[in-house]
Structure formats: C-alpha cells, structure tokens
Amino acid sequence: MELVTKIFEVLGITQLAFLQMALVVVLALIMSATLIKPVLAVFQEREDLSTKPVAEARRILDEADAKAKMYDENLRKGAAEALARKRARIEEAARGERKGIEAVVEESKREVEAMKVKIAGEKAAVSRTLRSEVSRLAAEISEKVLGRRIA
C-alpha cells in the first residue's frame, strides 16, 4: 500500500482525487444500471419492433408467393384436364355424329336403290302400256285416215 501511496504522491494524486475517481466509477455503475441499460433496452425493443415485422412480412410474402405458384400450377393442371375432357367429349360426339351420318347415308343409298328398282319397274310397265297404246293409236289413226277398219 505504501508503494501505491508513493505513486500517488509522485503523480500528485491526493486522497480527494482518489475519492473523486471512486465516486465517478460508482456513479458510472449507478448510471449504467439506472439509465444506460434501460435506454439500450428501449432501443433494442424499438429495433425488434421495426425489424421483426419486416422479417415476418417477408416470410408471409414468401409463403404467399409459394401458395400462388402452387395455385397457378394447379390451375394450369385443372385447365389442361378440363380441356382434355372437353376434347374427348367432342371427339365422342363427332364419332356419334359420323355414325349417324353413315347410317343416314346407308339408308339413303338403300332408298335410292329401292327407288331405282321401283322406277325401272314403272318404266317397264309404262313402256308396255305405251307400246300397246301406240299400236292401238296407230290403228285408230289409220282407220280414220283411210276411212275403213284395219284388221
């Protein structure tokens, strides 16, 4: 302790200065506990209040983006599936229509053939009738022109 006292004497530090330094240290500790730490805590709280919501908002935006991408992908898949089902229904309807048209064409061909046969029969009957009428008319005309009966 003597050594410390000699150092203080050489440096010109008195007990009053030593007491003042001790008071400064004690005041610094008291101020640190009562003022600085609460102020730093308030600053930290404000920083947390400003940065945590931003981080939370970024996280929510990232989640929303991921959900939007998934929604878009599901929407594209659904649209593709709906389009495929629609095309399948259209193709099935077209096949049904083609079958119906083919049936109508076949029925028309049968009817045309039946009409051709009927017309050919009627033509033959009319031909026979006309031939018999021609002969009879020719005989009548000849009788009228000649004025006598032709046998």
C-alpha atoms as a PDB file:
ATOM      1  CA  MET A   1       0.000   0.000   0.000  1.00  0.00           C
ATOM      2  CA  GLU A   2       2.952   2.242   0.627  1.00  0.00           C
ATOM      3  CA  LEU A   3       4.011   1.842  -2.906  1.00  0.00           C
ATOM      4  CA  VAL A   4       0.603   2.989  -4.093  1.00  0.00           C
ATOM      5  CA  THR A   5       0.762   5.946  -1.768  1.00  0.00           C
ATOM      6  CA  LYS A   6       4.207   6.914  -3.108  1.00  0.00           C
ATOM      7  CA  ILE A   7       2.972   6.633  -6.699  1.00  0.00           C
ATOM      8  CA  PHE A   8       0.009   8.852  -5.884  1.00  0.00           C
ATOM      9  CA  GLU A   9       2.363  11.423  -4.229  1.00  0.00           C
ATOM     10  CA  VAL A  10       4.729  11.419  -7.192  1.00  0.00           C
ATOM     11  CA  LEU A  11       1.845  11.865  -9.599  1.00  0.00           C
ATOM     12  CA  GLY A  12       0.277  14.469  -7.412  1.00  0.00           C
ATOM     13  CA  ILE A  13      -2.880  12.495  -6.803  1.00  0.00           C
ATOM     14  CA  THR A  14      -4.366  13.266  -3.445  1.00  0.00           C
ATOM     15  CA  GLN A  15      -6.904  11.308  -1.499  1.00  0.00           C
ATOM     16  CA  LEU A  16      -9.523  13.731  -2.692  1.00  0.00           C
ATOM     17  CA  ALA A  17      -8.724  12.918  -6.301  1.00  0.00           C
ATOM     18  CA  PHE A  18      -8.783   9.232  -5.445  1.00  0.00           C
ATOM     19  CA  LEU A  19     -12.166   9.718  -3.787  1.00  0.00           C
ATOM     20  CA  GLN A  20     -13.397  11.641  -6.817  1.00  0.00           C
ATOM     21  CA  MET A  21     -12.317   8.805  -9.130  1.00  0.00           C
ATOM     22  CA  ALA A  22     -14.068   6.306  -6.925  1.00  0.00           C
ATOM     23  CA  LEU A  23     -17.208   8.463  -6.986  1.00  0.00           C
ATOM     24  CA  VAL A  24     -17.024   8.672 -10.794  1.00  0.00           C
ATOM     25  CA  VAL A  25     -16.764   4.888 -11.038  1.00  0.00           C
ATOM     26  CA  VAL A  26     -19.649   4.391  -8.602  1.00  0.00           C
ATOM     27  CA  LEU A  27     -21.758   6.981 -10.462  1.00  0.00           C
ATOM     28  CA  ALA A  28     -20.920   5.306 -13.762  1.00  0.00           C
ATOM     29  CA  LEU A  29     -22.088   1.967 -12.382  1.00  0.00           C
ATOM     30  CA  ILE A  30     -25.260   3.522 -10.977  1.00  0.00           C
ATOM     31  CA  MET A  31     -25.986   5.379 -14.224  1.00  0.00           C
ATOM     32  CA  SER A  32     -25.313   2.246 -16.198  1.00  0.00           C
ATOM     33  CA  ALA A  33     -27.816   0.308 -14.130  1.00  0.00           C
ATOM     34  CA  THR A  34     -30.467   3.033 -13.920  1.00  0.00           C
ATOM     35  CA  LEU A  35     -30.171   4.946 -17.197  1.00  0.00           C
ATOM     36  CA  ILE A  36     -27.985   3.373 -19.849  1.00  0.00           C
ATOM     37  CA  LYS A  37     -29.286  -0.199 -19.636  1.00  0.00           C
ATOM     38  CA  PRO A  38     -32.974   0.896 -19.763  1.00  0.00           C
ATOM     39  CA  VAL A  39     -32.272   3.229 -22.685  1.00  0.00           C
ATOM     40  CA  LEU A  40     -30.410   0.463 -24.542  1.00  0.00           C
ATOM     41  CA  ALA A  41     -33.293  -1.897 -23.745  1.00  0.00           C
ATOM     42  CA  VAL A  42     -35.742   0.629 -25.260  1.00  0.00           C
ATOM     43  CA  PHE A  43     -33.536   0.961 -28.332  1.00  0.00           C
ATOM     44  CA  GLN A  44     -33.377  -2.835 -28.673  1.00  0.00           C
ATOM     45  CA  GLU A  45     -37.145  -3.086 -28.250  1.00  0.00           C
ATOM     46  CA  ARG A  46     -37.700  -0.461 -30.945  1.00  0.00           C
ATOM     47  CA  GLU A  47     -35.303  -2.242 -33.261  1.00  0.00           C
ATOM     48  CA  ASP A  48     -37.135  -5.506 -32.602  1.00  0.00           C
ATOM     49  CA  LEU A  49     -40.454  -3.777 -33.282  1.00  0.00           C
ATOM     50  CA  SER A  50     -39.164  -2.439 -36.587  1.00  0.00           C
ATOM     51  CA  THR A  51     -37.191  -5.429 -37.865  1.00  0.00           C
ATOM     52  CA  LYS A  52     -39.318  -8.347 -36.676  1.00  0.00           C
ATOM     53  CA  PRO A  53     -42.468  -7.198 -38.515  1.00  0.00           C
ATOM     54  CA  VAL A  54     -40.429  -6.700 -41.677  1.00  0.00           C
ATOM     55  CA  ALA A  55     -38.979 -10.198 -41.344  1.00  0.00           C
ATOM     56  CA  GLU A  56     -42.449 -11.589 -40.608  1.00  0.00           C
ATOM     57  CA  ALA A  57     -43.863  -9.716 -43.605  1.00  0.00           C
ATOM     58  CA  ARG A  58     -41.114 -11.153 -45.825  1.00  0.00           C
ATOM     59  CA  ARG A  59     -41.844 -14.643 -44.535  1.00  0.00           C
ATOM     60  CA  ILE A  60     -45.572 -14.173 -45.174  1.00  0.00           C
ATOM     61  CA  LEU A  61     -44.860 -12.805 -48.675  1.00  0.00           C
ATOM     62  CA  ASP A  62     -42.639 -15.806 -49.417  1.00  0.00           C
ATOM     63  CA  GLU A  63     -45.395 -18.139 -48.248  1.00  0.00           C
ATOM     64  CA  ALA A  64     -47.942 -16.242 -50.351  1.00  0.00           C
ATOM     65  CA  ASP A  65     -45.670 -16.476 -53.399  1.00  0.00           C
ATOM     66  CA  ALA A  66     -45.254 -20.210 -52.869  1.00  0.00           C
ATOM     67  CA  LYS A  67     -49.005 -20.659 -52.499  1.00  0.00           C
ATOM     68  CA  ALA A  68     -49.641 -18.512 -55.591  1.00  0.00           C
ATOM     69  CA  LYS A  69     -47.209 -20.619 -57.619  1.00  0.00           C
ATOM     70  CA  MET A  70     -48.886 -23.797 -56.383  1.00  0.00           C
ATOM     71  CA  TYR A  71     -52.300 -22.300 -57.178  1.00  0.00           C
ATOM     72  CA  ASP A  72     -51.158 -21.343 -60.685  1.00  0.00           C
ATOM     73  CA  GLU A  73     -49.743 -24.824 -61.246  1.00  0.00           C
ATOM     74  CA  ASN A  74     -52.946 -26.456 -60.015  1.00  0.00           C
ATOM     75  CA  LEU A  75     -54.974 -24.079 -62.172  1.00  0.00           C
ATOM     76  CA  ARG A  76     -52.924 -24.981 -65.258  1.00  0.00           C
ATOM     77  CA  LYS A  77     -53.284 -28.686 -64.482  1.00  0.00           C
ATOM     78  CA  GLY A  78     -57.026 -28.303 -63.960  1.00  0.00           C
ATOM     79  CA  ALA A  79     -57.415 -26.335 -67.183  1.00  0.00           C
ATOM     80  CA  ALA A  80     -55.417 -28.942 -69.099  1.00  0.00           C
ATOM     81  CA  GLU A  81     -57.519 -31.750 -67.632  1.00  0.00           C
ATOM     82  CA  ALA A  82     -60.752 -29.885 -68.413  1.00  0.00           C
ATOM     83  CA  LEU A  83     -59.554 -29.257 -71.967  1.00  0.00           C
ATOM     84  CA  ALA A  84     -58.657 -32.925 -72.383  1.00  0.00           C
ATOM     85  CA  ARG A  85     -62.107 -33.983 -71.096  1.00  0.00           C
ATOM     86  CA  LYS A  86     -63.776 -31.468 -73.409  1.00  0.00           C
ATOM     87  CA  ARG A  87     -61.793 -32.726 -76.393  1.00  0.00           C
ATOM     88  CA  ALA A  88     -62.692 -36.311 -75.503  1.00  0.00           C
ATOM     89  CA  ARG A  89     -66.399 -35.384 -75.342  1.00  0.00           C
ATOM     90  CA  ILE A  90     -66.140 -33.521 -78.658  1.00  0.00           C
ATOM     91  CA  GLU A  91     -64.398 -36.481 -80.298  1.00  0.00           C
ATOM     92  CA  GLU A  92     -67.014 -38.875 -78.895  1.00  0.00           C
ATOM     93  CA  ALA A  93     -69.801 -36.619 -80.156  1.00  0.00           C
ATOM     94  CA  ALA A  94     -68.092 -36.384 -83.560  1.00  0.00           C
ATOM     95  CA  ARG A  95     -67.817 -40.185 -83.720  1.00  0.00           C
ATOM     96  CA  GLY A  96     -71.503 -40.451 -82.828  1.00  0.00           C
ATOM     97  CA  GLU A  97     -72.415 -37.899 -85.480  1.00  0.00           C
ATOM     98  CA  ARG A  98     -70.277 -39.692 -88.078  1.00  0.00           C
ATOM     99  CA  LYS A  99     -72.000 -42.971 -87.219  1.00  0.00           C
ATOM    100  CA  GLY A 100     -75.375 -41.241 -87.517  1.00  0.00           C
ATOM    101  CA  ILE A 101     -74.406 -39.692 -90.838  1.00  0.00           C
ATOM    102  CA  GLU A 102     -73.089 -43.011 -92.107  1.00  0.00           C
ATOM    103  CA  ALA A 103     -76.355 -44.672 -91.085  1.00  0.00           C
ATOM    104  CA  VAL A 104     -78.358 -41.971 -92.871  1.00  0.00           C
ATOM    105  CA  VAL A 105     -76.145 -42.309 -95.972  1.00  0.00           C
ATOM    106  CA  GLU A 106     -76.630 -46.089 -95.959  1.00  0.00           C
ATOM    107  CA  GLU A 107     -80.379 -45.671 -95.513  1.00  0.00           C
ATOM    108  CA  SER A 108     -80.420 -43.110 -98.344  1.00  0.00           C
ATOM    109  CA  LYS A 109     -78.479 -45.495-100.601  1.00  0.00           C
ATOM    110  CA  ARG A 110     -80.956 -48.293 -99.831  1.00  0.00           C
ATOM    111  CA  GLU A 111     -83.864 -45.952-100.520  1.00  0.00           C
ATOM    112  CA  VAL A 112     -82.256 -44.751-103.774  1.00  0.00           C
ATOM    113  CA  GLU A 113     -81.704 -48.350-104.872  1.00  0.00           C
ATOM    114  CA  ALA A 114     -85.293 -49.214-103.966  1.00  0.00           C
ATOM    115  CA  MET A 115     -86.492 -46.161-105.894  1.00  0.00           C
ATOM    116  CA  LYS A 116     -84.345 -47.132-108.886  1.00  0.00           C
ATOM    117  CA  VAL A 117     -85.862 -50.609-108.839  1.00  0.00           C
ATOM    118  CA  LYS A 118     -89.368 -49.133-108.494  1.00  0.00           C
ATOM    119  CA  ILE A 119     -88.709 -46.609-111.271  1.00  0.00           C
ATOM    120  CA  ALA A 120     -87.313 -49.356-113.512  1.00  0.00           C
ATOM    121  CA  GLY A 121     -90.471 -51.443-112.850  1.00  0.00           C
ATOM    122  CA  GLU A 122     -92.735 -48.482-113.503  1.00  0.00           C
ATOM    123  CA  LYS A 123     -90.725 -47.622-116.616  1.00  0.00           C
ATOM    124  CA  ALA A 124     -91.156 -51.155-117.937  1.00  0.00           C
ATOM    125  CA  ALA A 125     -94.891 -51.069-117.171  1.00  0.00           C
ATOM    126  CA  VAL A 126     -95.267 -47.663-118.819  1.00  0.00           C
ATOM    127  CA  SER A 127     -93.222 -48.886-121.776  1.00  0.00           C
ATOM    128  CA  ARG A 128     -95.540 -51.868-122.203  1.00  0.00           C
ATOM    129  CA  THR A 129     -98.554 -49.648-121.821  1.00  0.00           C
ATOM    130  CA  LEU A 130     -97.169 -47.133-124.333  1.00  0.00           C
ATOM    131  CA  ARG A 131     -96.349 -49.890-126.837  1.00  0.00           C
ATOM    132  CA  SER A 132     -99.828 -51.263-126.593  1.00  0.00           C
ATOM    133  CA  GLU A 133    -101.263 -47.764-126.830  1.00  0.00           C
ATOM    134  CA  VAL A 134     -99.036 -46.929-129.817  1.00  0.00           C
ATOM    135  CA  SER A 135    -100.299 -49.939-131.668  1.00  0.00           C
ATOM    136  CA  ARG A 136    -103.904 -49.146-130.851  1.00  0.00           C
ATOM    137  CA  LEU A 137    -103.494 -45.429-131.643  1.00  0.00           C
ATOM    138  CA  ALA A 138    -101.720 -46.214-134.899  1.00  0.00           C
ATOM    139  CA  ALA A 139    -104.621 -48.470-135.847  1.00  0.00           C
ATOM    140  CA  GLU A 140    -107.185 -45.818-134.933  1.00  0.00           C
ATOM    141  CA  ILE A 141    -105.331 -43.122-136.869  1.00  0.00           C
ATOM    142  CA  SER A 142    -105.021 -45.405-139.843  1.00  0.00           C
ATOM    143  CA  GLU A 143    -108.741 -46.169-139.725  1.00  0.00           C
ATOM    144  CA  LYS A 144    -109.599 -42.510-139.590  1.00  0.00           C
ATOM    145  CA  VAL A 145    -107.223 -41.596-142.428  1.00  0.00           C
ATOM    146  CA  LEU A 146    -108.262 -44.486-144.615  1.00  0.00           C
ATOM    147  CA  GLY A 147    -111.876 -44.383-143.556  1.00  0.00           C
ATOM    148  CA  ARG A 148    -112.131 -48.139-143.067  1.00  0.00           C
ATOM    149  CA  ARG A 149    -111.315 -50.658-140.435  1.00  0.00           C
ATOM    150  CA  ILE A 150    -107.861 -52.261-140.391  1.00  0.00           C
ATOM    151  CA  ALA A 151    -107.517 -55.718-139.066  1.00  0.00           C
END
